[in-house]
Amino acid sequence: MSALLNELAAWGCDIDSALPRFSHKEDFYARCFKRFVVEPALDDLGQALNNKDADTAFHHAQTLKNLTANLGLTPLYDIVVRIVDPLRLGKYDDHMQEDYRQLIREVKRYKILADRDGA
C-alpha cells in the first residue's frame, strides 16, 4: 500500500473498504483524495452555516458526507454526520459551528498529507 494510504489508515480511515470503490487502483484513489481536500463544498458549508441557511448547509454537508464515506475518511465522516443529521430535519444548531471548525482543522491536516504526497 502507498505511503499516503498507509498514513490515512493510521489516522483511522477505512482504506480497505474504500479501495474496492476505486477498482483497487491506489493512484485513482489518491487523485480523488487530493481533489477532496480542496472541495468547494467545504467552504460553501461554512458560509451556509454562518448565514444560518439550513437548506443550503444540508446540501453541502450531504455532499461532504457522501465524499468522506466513499473515500473511507471515517474521522471526517463522523464529524460531518454531526452536522448533516440535524440539518436533515431543517434544524440549525450553534454546535454545528464548532463541529465545522473541527472539520476544517482536520481537513487541513489531510491537505498537508495530500501536498506532501505531491498533490
PDB file of N, CA and C in Angstrom:
ATOM      1  N   MET A   1       0.852  -1.173   0.000  1.00  0.00           N
ATOM      2  CA  MET A   1       0.000   0.000   0.000  1.00  0.00           C
ATOM      3  C   MET A   1       0.905   1.247   0.000  1.00  0.00           C
ATOM      4  N   SER A   2       0.470   2.298  -0.673  1.00  0.00           N
ATOM      5  CA  SER A   2       1.270   3.517  -0.785  1.00  0.00           C
ATOM      6  C   SER A   2       1.410   4.198   0.579  1.00  0.00           C
ATOM      7  N   ALA A   3       2.385   5.088   0.667  1.00  0.00           N
ATOM      8  CA  ALA A   3       2.615   5.836   1.912  1.00  0.00           C
ATOM      9  C   ALA A   3       1.378   6.656   2.275  1.00  0.00           C
ATOM     10  N   LEU A   4       0.727   7.246   1.276  1.00  0.00           N
ATOM     11  CA  LEU A   4      -0.489   8.031   1.527  1.00  0.00           C
ATOM     12  C   LEU A   4      -1.565   7.171   2.159  1.00  0.00           C
ATOM     13  N   LEU A   5      -1.819   6.022   1.578  1.00  0.00           N
ATOM     14  CA  LEU A   5      -2.869   5.152   2.103  1.00  0.00           C
ATOM     15  C   LEU A   5      -2.512   4.587   3.463  1.00  0.00           C
ATOM     16  N   ASN A   6      -1.248   4.283   3.668  1.00  0.00           N
ATOM     17  CA  ASN A   6      -0.814   3.807   4.989  1.00  0.00           C
ATOM     18  C   ASN A   6      -1.036   4.877   6.049  1.00  0.00           C
ATOM     19  N   GLU A   7      -0.716   6.117   5.712  1.00  0.00           N
ATOM     20  CA  GLU A   7      -0.903   7.220   6.666  1.00  0.00           C
ATOM     21  C   GLU A   7      -2.384   7.414   6.970  1.00  0.00           C
ATOM     22  N   LEU A   8      -3.214   7.389   5.926  1.00  0.00           N
ATOM     23  CA  LEU A   8      -4.656   7.545   6.140  1.00  0.00           C
ATOM     24  C   LEU A   8      -5.195   6.416   7.020  1.00  0.00           C
ATOM     25  N   ALA A   9      -4.741   5.216   6.777  1.00  0.00           N
ATOM     26  CA  ALA A   9      -5.174   4.075   7.595  1.00  0.00           C
ATOM     27  C   ALA A   9      -4.746   4.279   9.053  1.00  0.00           C
ATOM     28  N   ALA A  10      -3.551   4.798   9.258  1.00  0.00           N
ATOM     29  CA  ALA A  10      -3.066   5.053  10.616  1.00  0.00           C
ATOM     30  C   ALA A  10      -3.903   6.128  11.312  1.00  0.00           C
ATOM     31  N   TRP A  11      -4.526   7.005  10.541  1.00  0.00           N
ATOM     32  CA  TRP A  11      -5.381   8.055  11.092  1.00  0.00           C
ATOM     33  C   TRP A  11      -6.797   7.560  11.344  1.00  0.00           C
ATOM     34  N   GLY A  12      -7.061   6.288  11.076  1.00  0.00           N
ATOM     35  CA  GLY A  12      -8.379   5.727  11.337  1.00  0.00           C
ATOM     36  C   GLY A  12      -9.293   5.676  10.124  1.00  0.00           C
ATOM     37  N   CYS A  13      -8.744   5.930   8.962  1.00  0.00           N
ATOM     38  CA  CYS A  13      -9.552   5.857   7.739  1.00  0.00           C
ATOM     39  C   CYS A  13      -9.710   4.401   7.313  1.00  0.00           C
ATOM     40  N   ASP A  14     -10.838   4.092   6.722  1.00  0.00           N
ATOM     41  CA  ASP A  14     -11.153   2.721   6.311  1.00  0.00           C
ATOM     42  C   ASP A  14     -10.772   2.522   4.842  1.00  0.00           C
ATOM     43  N   ILE A  15      -9.490   2.475   4.606  1.00  0.00           N
ATOM     44  CA  ILE A  15      -8.960   2.360   3.251  1.00  0.00           C
ATOM     45  C   ILE A  15      -9.318   1.008   2.642  1.00  0.00           C
ATOM     46  N   ASP A  16      -9.299  -0.045   3.450  1.00  0.00           N
ATOM     47  CA  ASP A  16      -9.611  -1.379   2.923  1.00  0.00           C
ATOM     48  C   ASP A  16     -11.013  -1.447   2.334  1.00  0.00           C
ATOM     49  N   SER A  17     -11.966  -0.771   2.940  1.00  0.00           N
ATOM     50  CA  SER A  17     -13.332  -0.756   2.399  1.00  0.00           C
ATOM     51  C   SER A  17     -13.470   0.207   1.228  1.00  0.00           C
ATOM     52  N   ALA A  18     -12.665   1.255   1.234  1.00  0.00           N
ATOM     53  CA  ALA A  18     -12.775   2.271   0.181  1.00  0.00           C
ATOM     54  C   ALA A  18     -12.150   1.811  -1.139  1.00  0.00           C
ATOM     55  N   LEU A  19     -11.031   1.131  -1.086  1.00  0.00           N
ATOM     56  CA  LEU A  19     -10.314   0.792  -2.313  1.00  0.00           C
ATOM     57  C   LEU A  19     -11.145   0.038  -3.348  1.00  0.00           C
ATOM     58  N   PRO A  20     -12.012  -0.899  -2.958  1.00  0.00           N
ATOM     59  CA  PRO A  20     -12.831  -1.557  -3.996  1.00  0.00           C
ATOM     60  C   PRO A  20     -13.696  -0.567  -4.788  1.00  0.00           C
ATOM     61  N   ARG A  21     -14.110   0.524  -4.174  1.00  0.00           N
ATOM     62  CA  ARG A  21     -14.903   1.531  -4.891  1.00  0.00           C
ATOM     63  C   ARG A  21     -14.068   2.263  -5.934  1.00  0.00           C
ATOM     64  N   PHE A  22     -12.758   2.120  -5.839  1.00  0.00           N
ATOM     65  CA  PHE A  22     -11.833   2.734  -6.783  1.00  0.00           C
ATOM     66  C   PHE A  22     -11.113   1.667  -7.606  1.00  0.00           C
ATOM     67  N   SER A  23     -11.779   0.524  -7.752  1.00  0.00           N
ATOM     68  CA  SER A  23     -11.241  -0.619  -8.515  1.00  0.00           C
ATOM     69  C   SER A  23      -9.849  -1.024  -8.038  1.00  0.00           C
ATOM     70  N   HIS A  24      -9.603  -0.849  -6.744  1.00  0.00           N
ATOM     71  CA  HIS A  24      -8.313  -1.190  -6.115  1.00  0.00           C
ATOM     72  C   HIS A  24      -7.153  -0.431  -6.743  1.00  0.00           C
ATOM     73  N   LYS A  25      -7.442   0.683  -7.396  1.00  0.00           N
ATOM     74  CA  LYS A  25      -6.393   1.485  -8.034  1.00  0.00           C
ATOM     75  C   LYS A  25      -5.990   2.612  -7.076  1.00  0.00           C
ATOM     76  N   GLU A  26      -4.847   2.413  -6.457  1.00  0.00           N
ATOM     77  CA  GLU A  26      -4.383   3.366  -5.450  1.00  0.00           C
ATOM     78  C   GLU A  26      -4.140   4.755  -6.036  1.00  0.00           C
ATOM     79  N   ASP A  27      -3.649   4.817  -7.269  1.00  0.00           N
ATOM     80  CA  ASP A  27      -3.405   6.125  -7.877  1.00  0.00           C
ATOM     81  C   ASP A  27      -4.720   6.858  -8.140  1.00  0.00           C
ATOM     82  N   PHE A  28      -5.760   6.136  -8.523  1.00  0.00           N
ATOM     83  CA  PHE A  28      -7.078   6.744  -8.735  1.00  0.00           C
ATOM     84  C   PHE A  28      -7.629   7.253  -7.401  1.00  0.00           C
ATOM     85  N   TYR A  29      -7.510   6.431  -6.361  1.00  0.00           N
ATOM     86  CA  TYR A  29      -7.937   6.856  -5.032  1.00  0.00           C
ATOM     87  C   TYR A  29      -7.193   8.136  -4.626  1.00  0.00           C
ATOM     88  N   ALA A  30      -5.877   8.141  -4.811  1.00  0.00           N
ATOM     89  CA  ALA A  30      -5.061   9.292  -4.411  1.00  0.00           C
ATOM     90  C   ALA A  30      -5.497  10.556  -5.148  1.00  0.00           C
ATOM     91  N   ARG A  31      -5.796  10.443  -6.432  1.00  0.00           N
ATOM     92  CA  ARG A  31      -6.254  11.616  -7.191  1.00  0.00           C
ATOM     93  C   ARG A  31      -7.576  12.132  -6.628  1.00  0.00           C
ATOM     94  N   CYS A  32      -8.495  11.230  -6.318  1.00  0.00           N
ATOM     95  CA  CYS A  32      -9.788  11.634  -5.753  1.00  0.00           C
ATOM     96  C   CYS A  32      -9.614  12.252  -4.376  1.00  0.00           C
ATOM     97  N   PHE A  33      -8.749  11.675  -3.563  1.00  0.00           N
ATOM     98  CA  PHE A  33      -8.468  12.225  -2.236  1.00  0.00           C
ATOM     99  C   PHE A  33      -7.919  13.645  -2.351  1.00  0.00           C
ATOM    100  N   LYS A  34      -7.011  13.844  -3.288  1.00  0.00           N
ATOM    101  CA  LYS A  34      -6.396  15.163  -3.453  1.00  0.00           C
ATOM    102  C   LYS A  34      -7.401  16.195  -3.961  1.00  0.00           C
ATOM    103  N   ARG A  35      -8.402  15.757  -4.680  1.00  0.00           N
ATOM    104  CA  ARG A  35      -9.482  16.667  -5.086  1.00  0.00           C
ATOM    105  C   ARG A  35     -10.387  16.976  -3.894  1.00  0.00           C
ATOM    106  N   PHE A  36     -10.591  15.981  -3.042  1.00  0.00           N
ATOM    107  CA  PHE A  36     -11.462  16.188  -1.878  1.00  0.00           C
ATOM    108  C   PHE A  36     -10.953  17.309  -0.980  1.00  0.00           C
ATOM    109  N   VAL A  37      -9.647  17.352  -0.713  1.00  0.00           N
ATOM    110  CA  VAL A  37      -9.124  18.313   0.259  1.00  0.00           C
ATOM    111  C   VAL A  37      -9.271  19.761  -0.200  1.00  0.00           C
ATOM    112  N   VAL A  38      -9.627  19.966  -1.465  1.00  0.00           N
ATOM    113  CA  VAL A  38      -9.892  21.315  -1.974  1.00  0.00           C
ATOM    114  C   VAL A  38     -11.340  21.442  -2.457  1.00  0.00           C
ATOM    115  N   GLU A  39     -12.190  20.537  -2.014  1.00  0.00           N
ATOM    116  CA  GLU A  39     -13.598  20.507  -2.419  1.00  0.00           C
ATOM    117  C   GLU A  39     -14.284  21.824  -2.027  1.00  0.00           C
ATOM    118  N   PRO A  40     -14.922  22.506  -2.989  1.00  0.00           N
ATOM    119  CA  PRO A  40     -15.607  23.772  -2.690  1.00  0.00           C
ATOM    120  C   PRO A  40     -16.706  23.650  -1.631  1.00  0.00           C
ATOM    121  N   ALA A  41     -17.317  22.482  -1.505  1.00  0.00           N
ATOM    122  CA  ALA A  41     -18.388  22.307  -0.515  1.00  0.00           C
ATOM    123  C   ALA A  41     -17.887  22.551   0.907  1.00  0.00           C
ATOM    124  N   LEU A  42     -16.585  22.406   1.141  1.00  0.00           N
ATOM    125  CA  LEU A  42     -16.044  22.675   2.481  1.00  0.00           C
ATOM    126  C   LEU A  42     -16.256  24.135   2.861  1.00  0.00           C
ATOM    127  N   ASP A  43     -15.862  25.040   1.974  1.00  0.00           N
ATOM    128  CA  ASP A  43     -16.066  26.475   2.242  1.00  0.00           C
ATOM    129  C   ASP A  43     -17.536  26.852   2.145  1.00  0.00           C
ATOM    130  N   ASP A  44     -18.229  26.267   1.185  1.00  0.00           N
ATOM    131  CA  ASP A  44     -19.646  26.592   0.996  1.00  0.00           C
ATOM    132  C   ASP A  44     -20.472  26.219   2.227  1.00  0.00           C
ATOM    133  N   LEU A  45     -20.123  25.110   2.875  1.00  0.00           N
ATOM    134  CA  LEU A  45     -20.816  24.707   4.093  1.00  0.00           C
ATOM    135  C   LEU A  45     -20.619  25.757   5.173  1.00  0.00           C
ATOM    136  N   GLY A  46     -19.398  26.230   5.323  1.00  0.00           N
ATOM    137  CA  GLY A  46     -19.112  27.251   6.324  1.00  0.00           C
ATOM    138  C   GLY A  46     -19.909  28.522   6.087  1.00  0.00           C
ATOM    139  N   GLN A  47     -20.004  28.945   4.830  1.00  0.00           N
ATOM    140  CA  GLN A  47     -20.783  30.145   4.504  1.00  0.00           C
ATOM    141  C   GLN A  47     -22.256  29.932   4.825  1.00  0.00           C
ATOM    142  N   ALA A  48     -22.786  28.776   4.456  1.00  0.00           N
ATOM    143  CA  ALA A  48     -24.203  28.497   4.721  1.00  0.00           C
ATOM    144  C   ALA A  48     -24.478  28.442   6.215  1.00  0.00           C
ATOM    145  N   LEU A  49     -23.566  27.865   6.992  1.00  0.00           N
ATOM    146  CA  LEU A  49     -23.749  27.828   8.438  1.00  0.00           C
ATOM    147  C   LEU A  49     -23.691  29.237   9.027  1.00  0.00           C
ATOM    148  N   ASN A  50     -22.773  30.048   8.525  1.00  0.00           N
ATOM    149  CA  ASN A  50     -22.694  31.440   9.001  1.00  0.00           C
ATOM    150  C   ASN A  50     -23.981  32.198   8.714  1.00  0.00           C
ATOM    151  N   ASN A  51     -24.599  31.884   7.584  1.00  0.00           N
ATOM    152  CA  ASN A  51     -25.857  32.535   7.200  1.00  0.00           C
ATOM    153  C   ASN A  51     -27.077  31.865   7.829  1.00  0.00           C
ATOM    154  N   LYS A  52     -26.830  30.801   8.591  1.00  0.00           N
ATOM    155  CA  LYS A  52     -27.903  30.014   9.216  1.00  0.00           C
ATOM    156  C   LYS A  52     -28.931  29.551   8.178  1.00  0.00           C
ATOM    157  N   ASP A  53     -28.414  29.185   7.011  1.00  0.00           N
ATOM    158  CA  ASP A  53     -29.215  28.688   5.899  1.00  0.00           C
ATOM    159  C   ASP A  53     -29.177  27.160   5.945  1.00  0.00           C
ATOM    160  N   ALA A  54     -30.128  26.581   6.663  1.00  0.00           N
ATOM    161  CA  ALA A  54     -30.132  25.135   6.893  1.00  0.00           C
ATOM    162  C   ALA A  54     -30.249  24.340   5.599  1.00  0.00           C
ATOM    163  N   ASP A  55     -31.045  24.804   4.648  1.00  0.00           N
ATOM    164  CA  ASP A  55     -31.224  24.056   3.400  1.00  0.00           C
ATOM    165  C   ASP A  55     -29.928  23.979   2.598  1.00  0.00           C
ATOM    166  N   THR A  56     -29.282  25.125   2.423  1.00  0.00           N
ATOM    167  CA  THR A  56     -28.031  25.144   1.666  1.00  0.00           C
ATOM    168  C   THR A  56     -26.936  24.396   2.431  1.00  0.00           C
ATOM    169  N   ALA A  57     -26.880  24.575   3.733  1.00  0.00           N
ATOM    170  CA  ALA A  57     -25.890  23.869   4.550  1.00  0.00           C
ATOM    171  C   ALA A  57     -26.099  22.362   4.435  1.00  0.00           C
ATOM    172  N   PHE A  58     -27.348  21.920   4.446  1.00  0.00           N
ATOM    173  CA  PHE A  58     -27.627  20.490   4.311  1.00  0.00           C
ATOM    174  C   PHE A  58     -27.089  19.969   2.985  1.00  0.00           C
ATOM    175  N   HIS A  59     -27.335  20.695   1.912  1.00  0.00           N
ATOM    176  CA  HIS A  59     -26.864  20.271   0.589  1.00  0.00           C
ATOM    177  C   HIS A  59     -25.348  20.061   0.599  1.00  0.00           C
ATOM    178  N   HIS A  60     -24.606  21.019   1.135  1.00  0.00           N
ATOM    179  CA  HIS A  60     -23.141  20.922   1.156  1.00  0.00           C
ATOM    180  C   HIS A  60     -22.671  19.856   2.139  1.00  0.00           C
ATOM    181  N   ALA A  61     -23.326  19.767   3.279  1.00  0.00           N
ATOM    182  CA  ALA A  61     -22.947  18.750   4.262  1.00  0.00           C
ATOM    183  C   ALA A  61     -23.201  17.349   3.712  1.00  0.00           C
ATOM    184  N   GLN A  62     -24.303  17.173   3.001  1.00  0.00           N
ATOM    185  CA  GLN A  62     -24.609  15.873   2.409  1.00  0.00           C
ATOM    186  C   GLN A  62     -23.567  15.502   1.350  1.00  0.00           C
ATOM    187  N   THR A  63     -23.141  16.481   0.568  1.00  0.00           N
ATOM    188  CA  THR A  63     -22.072  16.240  -0.408  1.00  0.00           C
ATOM    189  C   THR A  63     -20.814  15.752   0.304  1.00  0.00           C
ATOM    190  N   LEU A  64     -20.448  16.430   1.381  1.00  0.00           N
ATOM    191  CA  LEU A  64     -19.249  16.048   2.133  1.00  0.00           C
ATOM    192  C   LEU A  64     -19.407  14.690   2.798  1.00  0.00           C
ATOM    193  N   LYS A  65     -20.599  14.407   3.269  1.00  0.00           N
ATOM    194  CA  LYS A  65     -20.854  13.094   3.878  1.00  0.00           C
ATOM    195  C   LYS A  65     -20.635  11.993   2.850  1.00  0.00           C
ATOM    196  N   ASN A  66     -21.167  12.188   1.656  1.00  0.00           N
ATOM    197  CA  ASN A  66     -21.002  11.180   0.605  1.00  0.00           C
ATOM    198  C   ASN A  66     -19.541  11.014   0.204  1.00  0.00           C
ATOM    199  N   LEU A  67     -18.838  12.131   0.055  1.00  0.00           N
ATOM    200  CA  LEU A  67     -17.430  12.059  -0.331  1.00  0.00           C
ATOM    201  C   LEU A  67     -16.591  11.370   0.733  1.00  0.00           C
ATOM    202  N   THR A  68     -16.783  11.753   1.990  1.00  0.00           N
ATOM    203  CA  THR A  68     -15.982  11.144   3.055  1.00  0.00           C
ATOM    204  C   THR A  68     -16.310   9.665   3.208  1.00  0.00           C
ATOM    205  N   ALA A  69     -17.561   9.295   3.003  1.00  0.00           N
ATOM    206  CA  ALA A  69     -17.939   7.879   3.078  1.00  0.00           C
ATOM    207  C   ALA A  69     -17.278   7.094   1.953  1.00  0.00           C
ATOM    208  N   ASN A  70     -17.361   7.612   0.735  1.00  0.00           N
ATOM    209  CA  ASN A  70     -16.782   6.899  -0.405  1.00  0.00           C
ATOM    210  C   ASN A  70     -15.273   6.764  -0.297  1.00  0.00           C
ATOM    211  N   LEU A  71     -14.627   7.779   0.253  1.00  0.00           N
ATOM    212  CA  LEU A  71     -13.174   7.746   0.404  1.00  0.00           C
ATOM    213  C   LEU A  71     -12.736   7.001   1.662  1.00  0.00           C
ATOM    214  N   GLY A  72     -13.691   6.615   2.493  1.00  0.00           N
ATOM    215  CA  GLY A  72     -13.352   5.905   3.727  1.00  0.00           C
ATOM    216  C   GLY A  72     -12.689   6.795   4.763  1.00  0.00           C
ATOM    217  N   LEU A  73     -12.930   8.093   4.690  1.00  0.00           N
ATOM    218  CA  LEU A  73     -12.322   9.042   5.622  1.00  0.00           C
ATOM    219  C   LEU A  73     -13.167   9.115   6.890  1.00  0.00           C
ATOM    220  N   THR A  74     -13.169   8.034   7.623  1.00  0.00           N
ATOM    221  CA  THR A  74     -14.050   7.845   8.773  1.00  0.00           C
ATOM    222  C   THR A  74     -13.986   8.971   9.799  1.00  0.00           C
ATOM    223  N   PRO A  75     -12.798   9.447  10.188  1.00  0.00           N
ATOM    224  CA  PRO A  75     -12.781  10.533  11.173  1.00  0.00           C
ATOM    225  C   PRO A  75     -13.510  11.791  10.687  1.00  0.00           C
ATOM    226  N   LEU A  76     -13.381  12.112   9.407  1.00  0.00           N
ATOM    227  CA  LEU A  76     -14.080  13.270   8.855  1.00  0.00           C
ATOM    228  C   LEU A  76     -15.570  12.984   8.700  1.00  0.00           C
ATOM    229  N   TYR A  77     -15.876  11.786   8.274  1.00  0.00           N
ATOM    230  CA  TYR A  77     -17.276  11.373   8.125  1.00  0.00           C
ATOM    231  C   TYR A  77     -18.021  11.542   9.449  1.00  0.00           C
ATOM    232  N   ASP A  78     -17.389  11.106  10.524  1.00  0.00           N
ATOM    233  CA  ASP A  78     -18.031  11.183  11.838  1.00  0.00           C
ATOM    234  C   ASP A  78     -18.363  12.624  12.225  1.00  0.00           C
ATOM    235  N   ILE A  79     -17.503  13.558  11.859  1.00  0.00           N
ATOM    236  CA  ILE A  79     -17.768  14.966  12.144  1.00  0.00           C
ATOM    237  C   ILE A  79     -18.916  15.470  11.270  1.00  0.00           C
ATOM    238  N   VAL A  80     -18.865  15.153   9.987  1.00  0.00           N
ATOM    239  CA  VAL A  80     -19.886  15.635   9.049  1.00  0.00           C
ATOM    240  C   VAL A  80     -21.269  15.117   9.437  1.00  0.00           C
ATOM    241  N   VAL A  81     -21.353  13.895   9.912  1.00  0.00           N
ATOM    242  CA  VAL A  81     -22.644  13.330  10.321  1.00  0.00           C
ATOM    243  C   VAL A  81     -23.272  14.166  11.434  1.00  0.00           C
ATOM    244  N   ARG A  82     -22.439  14.668  12.346  1.00  0.00           N
ATOM    245  CA  ARG A  82     -22.972  15.504  13.434  1.00  0.00           C
ATOM    246  C   ARG A  82     -23.561  16.811  12.905  1.00  0.00           C
ATOM    247  N   ILE A  83     -23.136  17.212  11.724  1.00  0.00           N
ATOM    248  CA  ILE A  83     -23.668  18.422  11.102  1.00  0.00           C
ATOM    249  C   ILE A  83     -24.890  18.092  10.251  1.00  0.00           C
ATOM    250  N   VAL A  84     -24.801  17.042   9.468  1.00  0.00           N
ATOM    251  CA  VAL A  84     -25.848  16.750   8.483  1.00  0.00           C
ATOM    252  C   VAL A  84     -27.141  16.239   9.118  1.00  0.00           C
ATOM    253  N   ASP A  85     -27.040  15.469  10.182  1.00  0.00           N
ATOM    254  CA  ASP A  85     -28.252  14.867  10.754  1.00  0.00           C
ATOM    255  C   ASP A  85     -29.272  15.904  11.233  1.00  0.00           C
ATOM    256  N   PRO A  86     -28.885  16.920  12.019  1.00  0.00           N
ATOM    257  CA  PRO A  86     -29.881  17.934  12.404  1.00  0.00           C
ATOM    258  C   PRO A  86     -30.379  18.743  11.197  1.00  0.00           C
ATOM    259  N   LEU A  87     -29.459  19.007  10.250  1.00  0.00           N
ATOM    260  CA  LEU A  87     -29.857  19.772   9.066  1.00  0.00           C
ATOM    261  C   LEU A  87     -30.892  19.022   8.236  1.00  0.00           C
ATOM    262  N   ARG A  88     -30.792  17.711   8.232  1.00  0.00           N
ATOM    263  CA  ARG A  88     -31.765  16.883   7.505  1.00  0.00           C
ATOM    264  C   ARG A  88     -33.183  17.178   8.002  1.00  0.00           C
ATOM    265  N   LEU A  89     -33.278  17.524   9.263  1.00  0.00           N
ATOM    266  CA  LEU A  89     -34.570  17.850   9.870  1.00  0.00           C
ATOM    267  C   LEU A  89     -34.876  19.353   9.766  1.00  0.00           C
ATOM    268  N   GLY A  90     -34.002  20.081   9.069  1.00  0.00           N
ATOM    269  CA  GLY A  90     -34.214  21.513   8.901  1.00  0.00           C
ATOM    270  C   GLY A  90     -33.838  22.325  10.119  1.00  0.00           C
ATOM    271  N   LYS A  91     -33.059  21.736  11.016  1.00  0.00           N
ATOM    272  CA  LYS A  91     -32.694  22.418  12.255  1.00  0.00           C
ATOM    273  C   LYS A  91     -31.268  22.950  12.172  1.00  0.00           C
ATOM    274  N   TYR A  92     -31.123  24.204  12.537  1.00  0.00           N
ATOM    275  CA  TYR A  92     -29.799  24.800  12.668  1.00  0.00           C
ATOM    276  C   TYR A  92     -29.462  24.819  14.153  1.00  0.00           C
ATOM    277  N   ASP A  93     -28.232  24.482  14.472  1.00  0.00           N
ATOM    278  CA  ASP A  93     -27.792  24.385  15.856  1.00  0.00           C
ATOM    279  C   ASP A  93     -26.433  25.069  15.961  1.00  0.00           C
ATOM    280  N   ASP A  94     -26.244  25.908  16.964  1.00  0.00           N
ATOM    281  CA  ASP A  94     -24.970  26.612  17.118  1.00  0.00           C
ATOM    282  C   ASP A  94     -23.787  25.661  17.310  1.00  0.00           C
ATOM    283  N   HIS A  95     -24.043  24.439  17.775  1.00  0.00           N
ATOM    284  CA  HIS A  95     -22.965  23.458  17.944  1.00  0.00           C
ATOM    285  C   HIS A  95     -22.377  23.064  16.592  1.00  0.00           C
ATOM    286  N   MET A  96     -23.135  23.261  15.533  1.00  0.00           N
ATOM    287  CA  MET A  96     -22.636  22.923  14.196  1.00  0.00           C
ATOM    288  C   MET A  96     -21.422  23.760  13.837  1.00  0.00           C
ATOM    289  N   GLN A  97     -21.376  24.986  14.325  1.00  0.00           N
ATOM    290  CA  GLN A  97     -20.228  25.849  14.040  1.00  0.00           C
ATOM    291  C   GLN A  97     -18.943  25.239  14.613  1.00  0.00           C
ATOM    292  N   GLU A  98     -19.016  24.726  15.835  1.00  0.00           N
ATOM    293  CA  GLU A  98     -17.834  24.096  16.428  1.00  0.00           C
ATOM    294  C   GLU A  98     -17.476  22.820  15.669  1.00  0.00           C
ATOM    295  N   ASP A  99     -18.471  22.031  15.307  1.00  0.00           N
ATOM    296  CA  ASP A  99     -18.201  20.833  14.505  1.00  0.00           C
ATOM    297  C   ASP A  99     -17.563  21.215  13.177  1.00  0.00           C
ATOM    298  N   TYR A 100     -18.054  22.280  12.568  1.00  0.00           N
ATOM    299  CA  TYR A 100     -17.493  22.737  11.298  1.00  0.00           C
ATOM    300  C   TYR A 100     -16.032  23.168  11.492  1.00  0.00           C
ATOM    301  N   ARG A 101     -15.750  23.921  12.535  1.00  0.00           N
ATOM    302  CA  ARG A 101     -14.365  24.341  12.794  1.00  0.00           C
ATOM    303  C   ARG A 101     -13.461  23.127  12.999  1.00  0.00           C
ATOM    304  N   GLN A 102     -13.970  22.123  13.703  1.00  0.00           N
ATOM    305  CA  GLN A 102     -13.196  20.893  13.888  1.00  0.00           C
ATOM    306  C   GLN A 102     -12.962  20.204  12.545  1.00  0.00           C
ATOM    307  N   LEU A 103     -13.985  20.165  11.709  1.00  0.00           N
ATOM    308  CA  LEU A 103     -13.849  19.556  10.380  1.00  0.00           C
ATOM    309  C   LEU A 103     -12.759  20.260   9.586  1.00  0.00           C
ATOM    310  N   ILE A 104     -12.777  21.568   9.571  1.00  0.00           N
ATOM    311  CA  ILE A 104     -11.792  22.330   8.802  1.00  0.00           C
ATOM    312  C   ILE A 104     -10.381  22.127   9.362  1.00  0.00           C
ATOM    313  N   ARG A 105     -10.244  22.087  10.684  1.00  0.00           N
ATOM    314  CA  ARG A 105      -8.920  21.816  11.281  1.00  0.00           C
ATOM    315  C   ARG A 105      -8.399  20.457  10.806  1.00  0.00           C
ATOM    316  N   GLU A 106      -9.278  19.458  10.819  1.00  0.00           N
ATOM    317  CA  GLU A 106      -8.870  18.122  10.397  1.00  0.00           C
ATOM    318  C   GLU A 106      -8.558  18.080   8.907  1.00  0.00           C
ATOM    319  N   VAL A 107      -9.380  18.719   8.097  1.00  0.00           N
ATOM    320  CA  VAL A 107      -9.139  18.726   6.648  1.00  0.00           C
ATOM    321  C   VAL A 107      -7.789  19.365   6.341  1.00  0.00           C
ATOM    322  N   LYS A 108      -7.398  20.368   7.115  1.00  0.00           N
ATOM    323  CA  LYS A 108      -6.080  20.986   6.909  1.00  0.00           C
ATOM    324  C   LYS A 108      -4.968  19.957   7.084  1.00  0.00           C
ATOM    325  N   ARG A 109      -5.116  19.088   8.070  1.00  0.00           N
ATOM    326  CA  ARG A 109      -4.134  18.007   8.264  1.00  0.00           C
ATOM    327  C   ARG A 109      -4.091  17.101   7.037  1.00  0.00           C
ATOM    328  N   TYR A 110      -5.269  16.773   6.523  1.00  0.00           N
ATOM    329  CA  TYR A 110      -5.359  15.902   5.353  1.00  0.00           C
ATOM    330  C   TYR A 110      -4.766  16.598   4.124  1.00  0.00           C
ATOM    331  N   LYS A 111      -4.963  17.903   4.030  1.00  0.00           N
ATOM    332  CA  LYS A 111      -4.404  18.650   2.894  1.00  0.00           C
ATOM    333  C   LYS A 111      -2.887  18.653   2.954  1.00  0.00           C
ATOM    334  N   ILE A 112      -2.334  18.791   4.146  1.00  0.00           N
ATOM    335  CA  ILE A 112      -0.878  18.728   4.292  1.00  0.00           C
ATOM    336  C   ILE A 112      -0.379  17.367   3.810  1.00  0.00           C
ATOM    337  N   LEU A 113      -1.077  16.317   4.175  1.00  0.00           N
ATOM    338  CA  LEU A 113      -0.720  14.979   3.715  1.00  0.00           C
ATOM    339  C   LEU A 113      -0.802  14.882   2.201  1.00  0.00           C
ATOM    340  N   ALA A 114      -1.870  15.423   1.617  1.00  0.00           N
ATOM    341  CA  ALA A 114      -2.020  15.397   0.162  1.00  0.00           C
ATOM    342  C   ALA A 114      -0.905  16.186  -0.522  1.00  0.00           C
ATOM    343  N   ASP A 115      -0.576  17.337   0.022  1.00  0.00           N
ATOM    344  CA  ASP A 115       0.507  18.155  -0.546  1.00  0.00           C
ATOM    345  C   ASP A 115       1.845  17.436  -0.450  1.00  0.00           C
ATOM    346  N   ARG A 116       2.054  16.792   0.676  1.00  0.00           N
ATOM    347  CA  ARG A 116       3.310  16.048   0.880  1.00  0.00           C
ATOM    348  C   ARG A 116       3.413  14.889  -0.102  1.00  0.00           C
ATOM    349  N   ASP A 117       2.256  14.374  -0.515  1.00  0.00           N
ATOM    350  CA  ASP A 117       2.234  13.253  -1.455  1.00  0.00           C
ATOM    351  C   ASP A 117       2.324  13.727  -2.910  1.00  0.00           C
ATOM    352  N   GLY A 118       2.484  15.025  -3.104  1.00  0.00           N
ATOM    353  CA  GLY A 118       2.664  15.536  -4.452  1.00  0.00           C
ATOM    354  C   GLY A 118       1.387  16.011  -5.123  1.00  0.00           C
ATOM    355  N   ALA A 119       0.434  16.492  -4.337  1.00  0.00           N
ATOM    356  CA  ALA A 119      -0.825  16.986  -4.923  1.00  0.00           C
ATOM    357  C   ALA A 119      -0.570  18.244  -5.713  1.00  0.00           C
TER     358      ALA A 119
END
